[in-house]
Amino acid sequence: MEKNQILPAICAMVADDNQGVKMSTTLTDVKDDPRGAIVSFGVERESGSDAKLQLHGLPGKYMVCCFFIDKNELEKYKV
């Protein structure tokens, strides 16, 4: 899969049965960092355990990512 095909694939997964896509809007912490900022979200234990594996360079079940979505822009696309 090409890099630019990831978001369309995620959208198709959600539209199909929403299995395999997890989302959290539970913001737990934001810290300044020399690289920018560290933003922490609350997730269920399974996702946290998987993320810990990946933090240590081990393969995990999930692709862990974060989206910051402009709410005003989102309004233009809501159906």
PDB file of N, CA and C in Angstrom:
ATOM      1  N   MET A   1       0.847  -1.179   0.000  1.00  0.00           N
ATOM      2  CA  MET A   1       0.000   0.000   0.000  1.00  0.00           C
ATOM      3  C   MET A   1       0.889   1.237   0.000  1.00  0.00           C
ATOM      4  N   GLU A   2       0.590   2.172  -0.873  1.00  0.00           N
ATOM      5  CA  GLU A   2       1.342   3.410  -0.924  1.00  0.00           C
ATOM      6  C   GLU A   2       0.988   4.286   0.270  1.00  0.00           C
ATOM      7  N   LYS A   3       1.926   5.142   0.673  1.00  0.00           N
ATOM      8  CA  LYS A   3       1.687   6.014   1.820  1.00  0.00           C
ATOM      9  C   LYS A   3       0.417   6.836   1.676  1.00  0.00           C
ATOM     10  N   ASN A   4       0.154   7.338   0.469  1.00  0.00           N
ATOM     11  CA  ASN A   4      -1.014   8.206   0.294  1.00  0.00           C
ATOM     12  C   ASN A   4      -2.330   7.434   0.254  1.00  0.00           C
ATOM     13  N   GLN A   5      -2.297   6.130   0.410  1.00  0.00           N
ATOM     14  CA  GLN A   5      -3.513   5.318   0.408  1.00  0.00           C
ATOM     15  C   GLN A   5      -3.956   4.920   1.814  1.00  0.00           C
ATOM     16  N   ILE A   6      -3.207   5.307   2.832  1.00  0.00           N
ATOM     17  CA  ILE A   6      -3.532   4.905   4.205  1.00  0.00           C
ATOM     18  C   ILE A   6      -4.830   5.539   4.685  1.00  0.00           C
ATOM     19  N   LEU A   7      -5.003   6.842   4.520  1.00  0.00           N
ATOM     20  CA  LEU A   7      -6.228   7.491   5.003  1.00  0.00           C
ATOM     21  C   LEU A   7      -7.481   6.978   4.290  1.00  0.00           C
ATOM     22  N   PRO A   8      -7.467   6.812   2.962  1.00  0.00           N
ATOM     23  CA  PRO A   8      -8.656   6.229   2.326  1.00  0.00           C
ATOM     24  C   PRO A   8      -8.967   4.815   2.844  1.00  0.00           C
ATOM     25  N   ALA A   9      -7.935   4.024   3.111  1.00  0.00           N
ATOM     26  CA  ALA A   9      -8.151   2.674   3.645  1.00  0.00           C
ATOM     27  C   ALA A   9      -8.766   2.748   5.036  1.00  0.00           C
ATOM     28  N   ILE A  10      -8.303   3.666   5.868  1.00  0.00           N
ATOM     29  CA  ILE A  10      -8.871   3.842   7.217  1.00  0.00           C
ATOM     30  C   ILE A  10     -10.341   4.240   7.105  1.00  0.00           C
ATOM     31  N   CYS A  11     -10.655   5.177   6.218  1.00  0.00           N
ATOM     32  CA  CYS A  11     -12.046   5.604   6.027  1.00  0.00           C
ATOM     33  C   CYS A  11     -12.926   4.434   5.590  1.00  0.00           C
ATOM     34  N   ALA A  12     -12.419   3.592   4.706  1.00  0.00           N
ATOM     35  CA  ALA A  12     -13.181   2.420   4.247  1.00  0.00           C
ATOM     36  C   ALA A  12     -13.414   1.447   5.397  1.00  0.00           C
ATOM     37  N   MET A  13     -12.401   1.255   6.261  1.00  0.00           N
ATOM     38  CA  MET A  13     -12.563   0.364   7.417  1.00  0.00           C
ATOM     39  C   MET A  13     -13.672   0.879   8.325  1.00  0.00           C
ATOM     40  N   VAL A  14     -13.691   2.169   8.579  1.00  0.00           N
ATOM     41  CA  VAL A  14     -14.705   2.757   9.459  1.00  0.00           C
ATOM     42  C   VAL A  14     -16.085   2.617   8.827  1.00  0.00           C
ATOM     43  N   ALA A  15     -16.190   2.906   7.533  1.00  0.00           N
ATOM     44  CA  ALA A  15     -17.483   2.822   6.850  1.00  0.00           C
ATOM     45  C   ALA A  15     -17.990   1.389   6.787  1.00  0.00           C
ATOM     46  N   ASP A  16     -17.088   0.426   6.695  1.00  0.00           N
ATOM     47  CA  ASP A  16     -17.471  -0.978   6.573  1.00  0.00           C
ATOM     48  C   ASP A  16     -18.089  -1.487   7.864  1.00  0.00           C
ATOM     49  N   ASP A  17     -17.294  -1.611   8.898  1.00  0.00           N
ATOM     50  CA  ASP A  17     -17.821  -2.144  10.162  1.00  0.00           C
ATOM     51  C   ASP A  17     -17.167  -1.527  11.391  1.00  0.00           C
ATOM     52  N   ASN A  18     -16.290  -0.556  11.178  1.00  0.00           N
ATOM     53  CA  ASN A  18     -15.582   0.145  12.257  1.00  0.00           C
ATOM     54  C   ASN A  18     -14.800  -0.800  13.159  1.00  0.00           C
ATOM     55  N   GLN A  19     -14.418  -1.973  12.641  1.00  0.00           N
ATOM     56  CA  GLN A  19     -13.560  -2.888  13.387  1.00  0.00           C
ATOM     57  C   GLN A  19     -12.110  -2.576  13.011  1.00  0.00           C
ATOM     58  N   GLY A  20     -11.238  -2.569  13.957  1.00  0.00           N
ATOM     59  CA  GLY A  20      -9.831  -2.340  13.658  1.00  0.00           C
ATOM     60  C   GLY A  20      -9.401  -0.895  13.748  1.00  0.00           C
ATOM     61  N   VAL A  21     -10.336   0.021  13.979  1.00  0.00           N
ATOM     62  CA  VAL A  21      -9.990   1.432  14.134  1.00  0.00           C
ATOM     63  C   VAL A  21     -10.438   1.863  15.526  1.00  0.00           C
ATOM     64  N   LYS A  22      -9.504   2.352  16.303  1.00  0.00           N
ATOM     65  CA  LYS A  22      -9.826   2.828  17.646  1.00  0.00           C
ATOM     66  C   LYS A  22      -9.485   4.304  17.709  1.00  0.00           C
ATOM     67  N   MET A  23     -10.273   5.062  18.437  1.00  0.00           N
ATOM     68  CA  MET A  23     -10.034   6.496  18.540  1.00  0.00           C
ATOM     69  C   MET A  23     -10.213   6.928  19.985  1.00  0.00           C
ATOM     70  N   SER A  24      -9.390   7.856  20.415  1.00  0.00           N
ATOM     71  CA  SER A  24      -9.530   8.406  21.751  1.00  0.00           C
ATOM     72  C   SER A  24      -9.539   9.925  21.668  1.00  0.00           C
ATOM     73  N   THR A  25     -10.458  10.519  22.393  1.00  0.00           N
ATOM     74  CA  THR A  25     -10.462  11.979  22.537  1.00  0.00           C
ATOM     75  C   THR A  25     -10.213  12.357  23.994  1.00  0.00           C
ATOM     76  N   THR A  26      -9.725  11.380  24.781  1.00  0.00           N
ATOM     77  CA  THR A  26      -9.438  11.594  26.193  1.00  0.00           C
ATOM     78  C   THR A  26      -8.014  12.098  26.341  1.00  0.00           C
ATOM     79  N   LEU A  27      -7.852  13.400  26.345  1.00  0.00           N
ATOM     80  CA  LEU A  27      -6.547  14.029  26.486  1.00  0.00           C
ATOM     81  C   LEU A  27      -6.134  13.984  27.952  1.00  0.00           C
ATOM     82  N   THR A  28      -4.976  13.401  28.252  1.00  0.00           N
ATOM     83  CA  THR A  28      -4.557  13.262  29.642  1.00  0.00           C
ATOM     84  C   THR A  28      -3.390  14.166  30.027  1.00  0.00           C
ATOM     85  N   ASP A  29      -2.570  14.591  29.054  1.00  0.00           N
ATOM     86  CA  ASP A  29      -1.421  15.432  29.392  1.00  0.00           C
ATOM     87  C   ASP A  29      -0.823  16.040  28.131  1.00  0.00           C
ATOM     88  N   VAL A  30      -0.226  17.209  28.286  1.00  0.00           N
ATOM     89  CA  VAL A  30       0.541  17.851  27.225  1.00  0.00           C
ATOM     90  C   VAL A  30       1.783  18.438  27.878  1.00  0.00           C
ATOM     91  N   LYS A  31       2.943  18.086  27.344  1.00  0.00           N
ATOM     92  CA  LYS A  31       4.210  18.569  27.896  1.00  0.00           C
ATOM     93  C   LYS A  31       5.050  19.176  26.778  1.00  0.00           C
ATOM     94  N   ASP A  32       5.754  20.259  27.103  1.00  0.00           N
ATOM     95  CA  ASP A  32       6.719  20.809  26.159  1.00  0.00           C
ATOM     96  C   ASP A  32       7.927  19.896  26.100  1.00  0.00           C
ATOM     97  N   ASP A  33       8.528  19.826  24.937  1.00  0.00           N
ATOM     98  CA  ASP A  33       9.675  18.963  24.701  1.00  0.00           C
ATOM     99  C   ASP A  33      10.586  19.698  23.720  1.00  0.00           C
ATOM    100  N   PRO A  34      11.901  19.482  23.790  1.00  0.00           N
ATOM    101  CA  PRO A  34      12.780  20.149  22.828  1.00  0.00           C
ATOM    102  C   PRO A  34      12.395  19.878  21.374  1.00  0.00           C
ATOM    103  N   ARG A  35      11.743  18.743  21.109  1.00  0.00           N
ATOM    104  CA  ARG A  35      11.327  18.391  19.747  1.00  0.00           C
ATOM    105  C   ARG A  35       9.986  19.004  19.372  1.00  0.00           C
ATOM    106  N   GLY A  36       9.280  19.601  20.323  1.00  0.00           N
ATOM    107  CA  GLY A  36       7.949  20.178  20.089  1.00  0.00           C
ATOM    108  C   GLY A  36       7.073  19.988  21.308  1.00  0.00           C
ATOM    109  N   ALA A  37       6.203  19.004  21.264  1.00  0.00           N
ATOM    110  CA  ALA A  37       5.312  18.722  22.385  1.00  0.00           C
ATOM    111  C   ALA A  37       5.044  17.223  22.459  1.00  0.00           C
ATOM    112  N   ILE A  38       4.739  16.763  23.654  1.00  0.00           N
ATOM    113  CA  ILE A  38       4.320  15.380  23.869  1.00  0.00           C
ATOM    114  C   ILE A  38       2.862  15.441  24.319  1.00  0.00           C
ATOM    115  N   VAL A  39       1.982  14.810  23.554  1.00  0.00           N
ATOM    116  CA  VAL A  39       0.556  14.818  23.839  1.00  0.00           C
ATOM    117  C   VAL A  39       0.157  13.395  24.221  1.00  0.00           C
ATOM    118  N   SER A  40      -0.493  13.242  25.373  1.00  0.00           N
ATOM    119  CA  SER A  40      -0.879  11.918  25.862  1.00  0.00           C
ATOM    120  C   SER A  40      -2.400  11.751  25.827  1.00  0.00           C
ATOM    121  N   PHE A  41      -2.830  10.554  25.411  1.00  0.00           N
ATOM    122  CA  PHE A  41      -4.248  10.224  25.352  1.00  0.00           C
ATOM    123  C   PHE A  41      -4.536   8.999  26.205  1.00  0.00           C
ATOM    124  N   GLY A  42      -5.722   8.938  26.776  1.00  0.00           N
ATOM    125  CA  GLY A  42      -6.163   7.761  27.495  1.00  0.00           C
ATOM    126  C   GLY A  42      -6.743   6.748  26.526  1.00  0.00           C
ATOM    127  N   VAL A  43      -6.291   5.504  26.634  1.00  0.00           N
ATOM    128  CA  VAL A  43      -6.785   4.414  25.783  1.00  0.00           C
ATOM    129  C   VAL A  43      -6.987   3.172  26.646  1.00  0.00           C
ATOM    130  N   GLU A  44      -7.662   2.159  26.082  1.00  0.00           N
ATOM    131  CA  GLU A  44      -7.849   0.923  26.847  1.00  0.00           C
ATOM    132  C   GLU A  44      -6.509   0.198  26.964  1.00  0.00           C
ATOM    133  N   ARG A  45      -6.418  -0.707  27.892  1.00  0.00           N
ATOM    134  CA  ARG A  45      -5.155  -1.390  28.199  1.00  0.00           C
ATOM    135  C   ARG A  45      -4.544  -2.114  26.999  1.00  0.00           C
ATOM    136  N   GLU A  46      -5.384  -2.750  26.173  1.00  0.00           N
ATOM    137  CA  GLU A  46      -4.856  -3.481  25.017  1.00  0.00           C
ATOM    138  C   GLU A  46      -4.054  -2.550  24.101  1.00  0.00           C
ATOM    139  N   SER A  47      -4.602  -1.374  23.844  1.00  0.00           N
ATOM    140  CA  SER A  47      -3.900  -0.411  22.989  1.00  0.00           C
ATOM    141  C   SER A  47      -2.631   0.094  23.654  1.00  0.00           C
ATOM    142  N   GLY A  48      -2.690   0.332  24.951  1.00  0.00           N
ATOM    143  CA  GLY A  48      -1.510   0.794  25.679  1.00  0.00           C
ATOM    144  C   GLY A  48      -0.407  -0.251  25.684  1.00  0.00           C
ATOM    145  N   SER A  49      -0.762  -1.495  25.882  1.00  0.00           N
ATOM    146  CA  SER A  49       0.235  -2.573  25.876  1.00  0.00           C
ATOM    147  C   SER A  49       0.885  -2.695  24.505  1.00  0.00           C
ATOM    148  N   ASP A  50       0.081  -2.554  23.460  1.00  0.00           N
ATOM    149  CA  ASP A  50       0.606  -2.632  22.102  1.00  0.00           C
ATOM    150  C   ASP A  50       1.551  -1.454  21.826  1.00  0.00           C
ATOM    151  N   ALA A  51       1.175  -0.283  22.281  1.00  0.00           N
ATOM    152  CA  ALA A  51       2.023   0.899  22.077  1.00  0.00           C
ATOM    153  C   ALA A  51       3.354   0.758  22.810  1.00  0.00           C
ATOM    154  N   LYS A  52       3.332   0.147  24.004  1.00  0.00           N
ATOM    155  CA  LYS A  52       4.584  -0.059  24.755  1.00  0.00           C
ATOM    156  C   LYS A  52       5.555  -0.938  23.975  1.00  0.00           C
ATOM    157  N   LEU A  53       5.027  -1.983  23.343  1.00  0.00           N
ATOM    158  CA  LEU A  53       5.877  -2.842  22.516  1.00  0.00           C
ATOM    159  C   LEU A  53       6.564  -2.013  21.435  1.00  0.00           C
ATOM    160  N   GLN A  54       5.778  -1.199  20.755  1.00  0.00           N
ATOM    161  CA  GLN A  54       6.306  -0.405  19.656  1.00  0.00           C
ATOM    162  C   GLN A  54       7.280   0.677  20.137  1.00  0.00           C
ATOM    163  N   LEU A  55       7.059   1.190  21.325  1.00  0.00           N
ATOM    164  CA  LEU A  55       7.970   2.174  21.910  1.00  0.00           C
ATOM    165  C   LEU A  55       9.364   1.581  22.072  1.00  0.00           C
ATOM    166  N   HIS A  56       9.420   0.270  22.311  1.00  0.00           N
ATOM    167  CA  HIS A  56      10.693  -0.430  22.476  1.00  0.00           C
ATOM    168  C   HIS A  56      11.192  -1.072  21.183  1.00  0.00           C
ATOM    169  N   GLY A  57      10.577  -0.691  20.056  1.00  0.00           N
ATOM    170  CA  GLY A  57      11.033  -1.173  18.754  1.00  0.00           C
ATOM    171  C   GLY A  57      10.525  -2.548  18.361  1.00  0.00           C
ATOM    172  N   LEU A  58       9.571  -3.068  19.106  1.00  0.00           N
ATOM    173  CA  LEU A  58       9.010  -4.379  18.775  1.00  0.00           C
ATOM    174  C   LEU A  58       7.753  -4.199  17.923  1.00  0.00           C
ATOM    175  N   PRO A  59       7.454  -5.177  17.085  1.00  0.00           N
ATOM    176  CA  PRO A  59       6.260  -5.044  16.241  1.00  0.00           C
ATOM    177  C   PRO A  59       4.982  -5.155  17.075  1.00  0.00           C
ATOM    178  N   GLY A  60       3.975  -4.434  16.648  1.00  0.00           N
ATOM    179  CA  GLY A  60       2.692  -4.479  17.334  1.00  0.00           C
ATOM    180  C   GLY A  60       1.569  -4.766  16.364  1.00  0.00           C
ATOM    181  N   LYS A  61       0.389  -4.977  16.897  1.00  0.00           N
ATOM    182  CA  LYS A  61      -0.791  -5.264  16.090  1.00  0.00           C
ATOM    183  C   LYS A  61      -1.313  -4.002  15.395  1.00  0.00           C
ATOM    184  N   TYR A  62      -1.176  -2.866  16.053  1.00  0.00           N
ATOM    185  CA  TYR A  62      -1.779  -1.631  15.581  1.00  0.00           C
ATOM    186  C   TYR A  62      -0.748  -0.666  14.988  1.00  0.00           C
ATOM    187  N   MET A  63      -1.204   0.169  14.069  1.00  0.00           N
ATOM    188  CA  MET A  63      -0.421   1.305  13.617  1.00  0.00           C
ATOM    189  C   MET A  63      -0.858   2.448  14.539  1.00  0.00           C
ATOM    190  N   VAL A  64       0.037   2.909  15.370  1.00  0.00           N
ATOM    191  CA  VAL A  64      -0.297   3.962  16.320  1.00  0.00           C
ATOM    192  C   VAL A  64      -0.013   5.304  15.663  1.00  0.00           C
ATOM    193  N   CYS A  65      -1.024   6.172  15.651  1.00  0.00           N
ATOM    194  CA  CYS A  65      -0.843   7.492  15.046  1.00  0.00           C
ATOM    195  C   CYS A  65      -1.756   8.491  15.759  1.00  0.00           C
ATOM    196  N   CYS A  66      -1.570   9.739  15.453  1.00  0.00           N
ATOM    197  CA  CYS A  66      -2.365  10.790  16.076  1.00  0.00           C
ATOM    198  C   CYS A  66      -2.765  11.791  15.002  1.00  0.00           C
ATOM    199  N   PHE A  67      -4.003  12.220  15.015  1.00  0.00           N
ATOM    200  CA  PHE A  67      -4.490  13.234  14.082  1.00  0.00           C
ATOM    201  C   PHE A  67      -4.943  14.457  14.868  1.00  0.00           C
ATOM    202  N   PHE A  68      -4.591  15.614  14.395  1.00  0.00           N
ATOM    203  CA  PHE A  68      -5.135  16.852  14.922  1.00  0.00           C
ATOM    204  C   PHE A  68      -5.998  17.418  13.792  1.00  0.00           C
ATOM    205  N   ILE A  69      -7.290  17.487  14.013  1.00  0.00           N
ATOM    206  CA  ILE A  69      -8.229  17.859  12.958  1.00  0.00           C
ATOM    207  C   ILE A  69      -8.799  19.246  13.229  1.00  0.00           C
ATOM    208  N   ASP A  70      -8.655  20.129  12.259  1.00  0.00           N
ATOM    209  CA  ASP A  70      -9.190  21.485  12.347  1.00  0.00           C
ATOM    210  C   ASP A  70     -10.721  21.383  12.345  1.00  0.00           C
ATOM    211  N   LYS A  71     -11.363  21.771  13.444  1.00  0.00           N
ATOM    212  CA  LYS A  71     -12.819  21.619  13.576  1.00  0.00           C
ATOM    213  C   LYS A  71     -13.585  22.459  12.554  1.00  0.00           C
ATOM    214  N   ASN A  72     -13.092  23.649  12.238  1.00  0.00           N
ATOM    215  CA  ASN A  72     -13.764  24.481  11.245  1.00  0.00           C
ATOM    216  C   ASN A  72     -13.706  23.836   9.867  1.00  0.00           C
ATOM    217  N   GLU A  73     -12.572  23.266   9.513  1.00  0.00           N
ATOM    218  CA  GLU A  73     -12.428  22.584   8.226  1.00  0.00           C
ATOM    219  C   GLU A  73     -13.311  21.339   8.190  1.00  0.00           C
ATOM    220  N   LEU A  74     -13.390  20.620   9.303  1.00  0.00           N
ATOM    221  CA  LEU A  74     -14.210  19.407   9.387  1.00  0.00           C
ATOM    222  C   LEU A  74     -15.674  19.704   9.100  1.00  0.00           C
ATOM    223  N   GLU A  75     -16.153  20.836   9.571  1.00  0.00           N
ATOM    224  CA  GLU A  75     -17.566  21.213   9.357  1.00  0.00           C
ATOM    225  C   GLU A  75     -17.923  21.248   7.875  1.00  0.00           C
ATOM    226  N   LYS A  76     -16.981  21.599   7.016  1.00  0.00           N
ATOM    227  CA  LYS A  76     -17.229  21.671   5.571  1.00  0.00           C
ATOM    228  C   LYS A  76     -17.508  20.286   4.984  1.00  0.00           C
ATOM    229  N   TYR A  77     -17.024  19.227   5.652  1.00  0.00           N
ATOM    230  CA  TYR A  77     -17.108  17.867   5.101  1.00  0.00           C
ATOM    231  C   TYR A  77     -18.160  17.006   5.754  1.00  0.00           C
ATOM    232  N   LYS A  78     -18.748  17.473   6.845  1.00  0.00           N
ATOM    233  CA  LYS A  78     -19.768  16.671   7.528  1.00  0.00           C
ATOM    234  C   LYS A  78     -20.987  16.510   6.643  1.00  0.00           C
ATOM    235  N   VAL A  79     -21.552  15.323   6.680  1.00  0.00           N
ATOM    236  CA  VAL A  79     -22.726  15.046   5.845  1.00  0.00           C
ATOM    237  C   VAL A  79     -23.978  15.157   6.666  1.00  0.00           C
TER     238      VAL A  79
END
